[in-house]
């Protein structure tokens, strides 16, 4: 839960849509709150199938993606995003509790759980600015 001492900076300009794909309700709410405070327009999906439907119907500006998801894994979701011309440009921030090497995915922006809300917002901001981001 965010407290009032957070130092999350807000963004200026039009609100960018961030799709949070996380099956843990508490984390999803925390991510949504942090991104809202920072001036983004967060949307949510609790599983991989819902995420794919949402992404293909109305692609967001960036996706925060957990790798361990019900119905369709985050790895499959990422591969589907990368496989389609109308979605492969979308930056993805991977959020995972796994300590495995994820270099094979080619994802430049990875946050390891537990994720600090300020670090999430910084990663989202950097990934949007660069179009990809860096591993954290």
C-alpha atoms as a PDB file:
ATOM      1  CA  UNK A   1       0.000   0.000   0.000  1.00  0.00           C
ATOM      2  CA  UNK A   2       1.302   3.441  -0.855  1.00  0.00           C
ATOM      3  CA  UNK A   3       1.567   5.959   1.911  1.00  0.00           C
ATOM      4  CA  UNK A   4       1.506   9.722   1.597  1.00  0.00           C
ATOM      5  CA  UNK A   5       5.292   9.967   1.895  1.00  0.00           C
ATOM      6  CA  UNK A   6       5.788   8.452  -1.579  1.00  0.00           C
ATOM      7  CA  UNK A   7       7.859  10.552  -3.936  1.00  0.00           C
ATOM      8  CA  UNK A   8       6.329   9.345  -7.188  1.00  0.00           C
ATOM      9  CA  UNK A   9       6.622  12.083  -9.800  1.00  0.00           C
ATOM     10  CA  UNK A  10       3.627  12.683 -12.031  1.00  0.00           C
ATOM     11  CA  UNK A  11       3.819  12.747 -15.801  1.00  0.00           C
ATOM     12  CA  UNK A  12       2.674  15.642 -17.912  1.00  0.00           C
ATOM     13  CA  UNK A  13       0.822  15.532 -21.202  1.00  0.00           C
ATOM     14  CA  UNK A  14      -1.860  13.074 -22.284  1.00  0.00           C
ATOM     15  CA  UNK A  15      -2.455  10.137 -19.977  1.00  0.00           C
ATOM     16  CA  UNK A  16      -0.768   7.024 -21.322  1.00  0.00           C
ATOM     17  CA  UNK A  17      -2.618   3.721 -20.959  1.00  0.00           C
ATOM     18  CA  UNK A  18      -0.771   1.055 -18.987  1.00  0.00           C
ATOM     19  CA  UNK A  19      -2.151  -2.491 -18.934  1.00  0.00           C
ATOM     20  CA  UNK A  20      -1.301  -4.273 -15.684  1.00  0.00           C
ATOM     21  CA  UNK A  21      -1.364  -8.052 -16.150  1.00  0.00           C
ATOM     22  CA  UNK A  22      -1.055  -9.530 -12.663  1.00  0.00           C
ATOM     23  CA  UNK A  23      -3.047 -12.315 -11.012  1.00  0.00           C
ATOM     24  CA  UNK A  24      -2.299 -11.198  -7.446  1.00  0.00           C
ATOM     25  CA  UNK A  25      -5.117  -8.796  -6.477  1.00  0.00           C
ATOM     26  CA  UNK A  26      -3.030  -6.939  -3.887  1.00  0.00           C
ATOM     27  CA  UNK A  27      -0.116  -6.343  -6.253  1.00  0.00           C
ATOM     28  CA  UNK A  28      -2.443  -5.354  -9.075  1.00  0.00           C
ATOM     29  CA  UNK A  29      -4.132  -2.744  -6.847  1.00  0.00           C
ATOM     30  CA  UNK A  30      -0.757  -1.452  -5.625  1.00  0.00           C
ATOM     31  CA  UNK A  31       0.526  -1.130  -9.209  1.00  0.00           C
ATOM     32  CA  UNK A  32      -2.723   0.554 -10.298  1.00  0.00           C
ATOM     33  CA  UNK A  33      -2.526   3.053  -7.424  1.00  0.00           C
ATOM     34  CA  UNK A  34       1.130   3.920  -8.055  1.00  0.00           C
ATOM     35  CA  UNK A  35       0.573   4.380 -11.783  1.00  0.00           C
ATOM     36  CA  UNK A  36      -2.593   6.448 -11.211  1.00  0.00           C
ATOM     37  CA  UNK A  37      -0.784   8.745  -8.786  1.00  0.00           C
ATOM     38  CA  UNK A  38       1.977   9.157 -11.381  1.00  0.00           C
ATOM     39  CA  UNK A  39      -0.589  10.330 -13.937  1.00  0.00           C
ATOM     40  CA  UNK A  40      -1.000   7.208 -16.056  1.00  0.00           C
ATOM     41  CA  UNK A  41      -4.298   5.544 -16.992  1.00  0.00           C
ATOM     42  CA  UNK A  42      -3.932   1.985 -15.679  1.00  0.00           C
ATOM     43  CA  UNK A  43      -6.138  -0.851 -16.875  1.00  0.00           C
ATOM     44  CA  UNK A  44      -6.080  -4.394 -15.548  1.00  0.00           C
ATOM     45  CA  UNK A  45      -6.180  -8.037 -16.550  1.00  0.00           C
ATOM     46  CA  UNK A  46      -5.990 -10.845 -13.995  1.00  0.00           C
ATOM     47  CA  UNK A  47      -4.944 -13.634 -16.370  1.00  0.00           C
ATOM     48  CA  UNK A  48      -3.175 -14.218 -19.662  1.00  0.00           C
ATOM     49  CA  UNK A  49      -6.285 -14.885 -21.761  1.00  0.00           C
ATOM     50  CA  UNK A  50      -7.962 -11.640 -20.651  1.00  0.00           C
ATOM     51  CA  UNK A  51      -4.711  -9.782 -21.310  1.00  0.00           C
ATOM     52  CA  UNK A  52      -4.444 -11.099 -24.876  1.00  0.00           C
ATOM     53  CA  UNK A  53      -8.070 -10.169 -25.605  1.00  0.00           C
ATOM     54  CA  UNK A  54      -7.527  -6.651 -24.234  1.00  0.00           C
ATOM     55  CA  UNK A  55      -4.185  -6.165 -26.037  1.00  0.00           C
ATOM     56  CA  UNK A  56      -5.503  -7.227 -29.429  1.00  0.00           C
ATOM     57  CA  UNK A  57      -8.788  -5.280 -29.116  1.00  0.00           C
ATOM     58  CA  UNK A  58      -7.285  -2.014 -27.907  1.00  0.00           C
ATOM     59  CA  UNK A  59      -3.471  -2.007 -27.566  1.00  0.00           C
ATOM     60  CA  UNK A  60      -2.180  -0.036 -24.556  1.00  0.00           C
ATOM     61  CA  UNK A  61       0.850   2.251 -24.553  1.00  0.00           C
ATOM     62  CA  UNK A  62       2.783  -0.136 -22.264  1.00  0.00           C
ATOM     63  CA  UNK A  63       2.207  -3.486 -20.553  1.00  0.00           C
ATOM     64  CA  UNK A  64       3.283  -4.465 -17.035  1.00  0.00           C
ATOM     65  CA  UNK A  65       3.364  -8.263 -17.289  1.00  0.00           C
ATOM     66  CA  UNK A  66       3.697 -10.937 -14.627  1.00  0.00           C
ATOM     67  CA  UNK A  67       5.145 -14.177 -16.011  1.00  0.00           C
ATOM     68  CA  UNK A  68       3.207 -16.570 -13.731  1.00  0.00           C
ATOM     69  CA  UNK A  69      -0.403 -16.213 -14.811  1.00  0.00           C
ATOM     70  CA  UNK A  70      -3.436 -18.494 -14.910  1.00  0.00           C
ATOM     71  CA  UNK A  71      -4.973 -19.638 -18.236  1.00  0.00           C
ATOM     72  CA  UNK A  72      -2.105 -18.406 -20.439  1.00  0.00           C
ATOM     73  CA  UNK A  73       1.401 -17.825 -19.060  1.00  0.00           C
ATOM     74  CA  UNK A  74       3.074 -14.446 -19.219  1.00  0.00           C
ATOM     75  CA  UNK A  75       5.755 -15.936 -21.452  1.00  0.00           C
ATOM     76  CA  UNK A  76       3.095 -16.914 -24.020  1.00  0.00           C
ATOM     77  CA  UNK A  77       1.473 -13.475 -23.685  1.00  0.00           C
ATOM     78  CA  UNK A  78       4.842 -11.832 -24.376  1.00  0.00           C
ATOM     79  CA  UNK A  79       5.500 -14.099 -27.362  1.00  0.00           C
ATOM     80  CA  UNK A  80       2.053 -13.276 -28.782  1.00  0.00           C
ATOM     81  CA  UNK A  81       2.690  -9.551 -28.382  1.00  0.00           C
ATOM     82  CA  UNK A  82       6.031  -9.888 -30.174  1.00  0.00           C
ATOM     83  CA  UNK A  83       4.534 -12.010 -32.975  1.00  0.00           C
ATOM     84  CA  UNK A  84       2.004  -9.454 -34.253  1.00  0.00           C
ATOM     85  CA  UNK A  85       2.833  -6.295 -36.210  1.00  0.00           C
ATOM     86  CA  UNK A  86       0.138  -4.212 -34.475  1.00  0.00           C
ATOM     87  CA  UNK A  87       1.431  -5.069 -30.970  1.00  0.00           C
ATOM     88  CA  UNK A  88       5.177  -5.737 -31.233  1.00  0.00           C
ATOM     89  CA  UNK A  89       5.976  -2.026 -30.772  1.00  0.00           C
ATOM     90  CA  UNK A  90       4.390  -1.983 -27.285  1.00  0.00           C
ATOM     91  CA  UNK A  91       7.010  -1.751 -24.519  1.00  0.00           C
ATOM     92  CA  UNK A  92       6.694  -4.462 -21.868  1.00  0.00           C
ATOM     93  CA  UNK A  93       7.877  -4.331 -18.259  1.00  0.00           C
ATOM     94  CA  UNK A  94       8.212  -7.887 -16.974  1.00  0.00           C
ATOM     95  CA  UNK A  95       7.465  -8.300 -13.264  1.00  0.00           C
ATOM     96  CA  UNK A  96       8.496 -11.669 -11.884  1.00  0.00           C
ATOM     97  CA  UNK A  97       9.393 -13.527  -8.741  1.00  0.00           C
ATOM     98  CA  UNK A  98      11.560 -15.887 -10.758  1.00  0.00           C
ATOM     99  CA  UNK A  99      15.311 -15.737 -10.393  1.00  0.00           C
ATOM    100  CA  UNK A 100      15.794 -17.590 -13.684  1.00  0.00           C
ATOM    101  CA  UNK A 101      17.772 -16.027 -16.501  1.00  0.00           C
ATOM    102  CA  UNK A 102      15.245 -14.447 -18.864  1.00  0.00           C
ATOM    103  CA  UNK A 103      17.680 -13.374 -21.583  1.00  0.00           C
ATOM    104  CA  UNK A 104      16.049 -15.832 -23.999  1.00  0.00           C
ATOM    105  CA  UNK A 105      12.913 -13.671 -24.015  1.00  0.00           C
ATOM    106  CA  UNK A 106      14.787 -10.603 -25.203  1.00  0.00           C
ATOM    107  CA  UNK A 107      12.903  -8.373 -22.741  1.00  0.00           C
ATOM    108  CA  UNK A 108      15.037  -5.378 -21.791  1.00  0.00           C
ATOM    109  CA  UNK A 109      12.899  -4.223 -18.836  1.00  0.00           C
ATOM    110  CA  UNK A 110      12.604  -6.713 -15.979  1.00  0.00           C
ATOM    111  CA  UNK A 111      11.668  -6.037 -12.355  1.00  0.00           C
ATOM    112  CA  UNK A 112      12.117  -8.750  -9.743  1.00  0.00           C
ATOM    113  CA  UNK A 113       9.474  -9.125  -7.034  1.00  0.00           C
ATOM    114  CA  UNK A 114       8.963  -7.686  -4.529  1.00  0.00           C
ATOM    115  CA  UNK A 115       8.539  -4.521  -6.592  1.00  0.00           C
ATOM    116  CA  UNK A 116       8.731  -1.101  -5.011  1.00  0.00           C
ATOM    117  CA  UNK A 117       5.978   1.151  -6.449  1.00  0.00           C
ATOM    118  CA  UNK A 118       8.439   3.983  -7.126  1.00  0.00           C
ATOM    119  CA  UNK A 119      10.711   1.608  -9.025  1.00  0.00           C
ATOM    120  CA  UNK A 120       7.755   0.391 -11.092  1.00  0.00           C
ATOM    121  CA  UNK A 121       6.804   3.948 -12.038  1.00  0.00           C
ATOM    122  CA  UNK A 122      10.439   4.752 -12.914  1.00  0.00           C
ATOM    123  CA  UNK A 123      10.660   1.635 -15.107  1.00  0.00           C
ATOM    124  CA  UNK A 124       7.389   2.477 -16.857  1.00  0.00           C
ATOM    125  CA  UNK A 125       8.536   6.051 -17.470  1.00  0.00           C
ATOM    126  CA  UNK A 126      11.901   4.905 -18.846  1.00  0.00           C
ATOM    127  CA  UNK A 127      10.384   2.200 -21.041  1.00  0.00           C
ATOM    128  CA  UNK A 128       7.877   4.652 -22.513  1.00  0.00           C
ATOM    129  CA  UNK A 129      10.597   7.200 -23.217  1.00  0.00           C
ATOM    130  CA  UNK A 130      13.001   4.732 -24.811  1.00  0.00           C
ATOM    131  CA  UNK A 131      10.455   2.395 -26.336  1.00  0.00           C
ATOM    132  CA  UNK A 132      11.952  -0.526 -24.459  1.00  0.00           C
ATOM    133  CA  UNK A 133      13.866   0.100 -21.239  1.00  0.00           C
ATOM    134  CA  UNK A 134      16.587  -1.587 -19.274  1.00  0.00           C
ATOM    135  CA  UNK A 135      16.687  -4.558 -16.913  1.00  0.00           C
ATOM    136  CA  UNK A 136      16.427  -3.537 -13.245  1.00  0.00           C
END
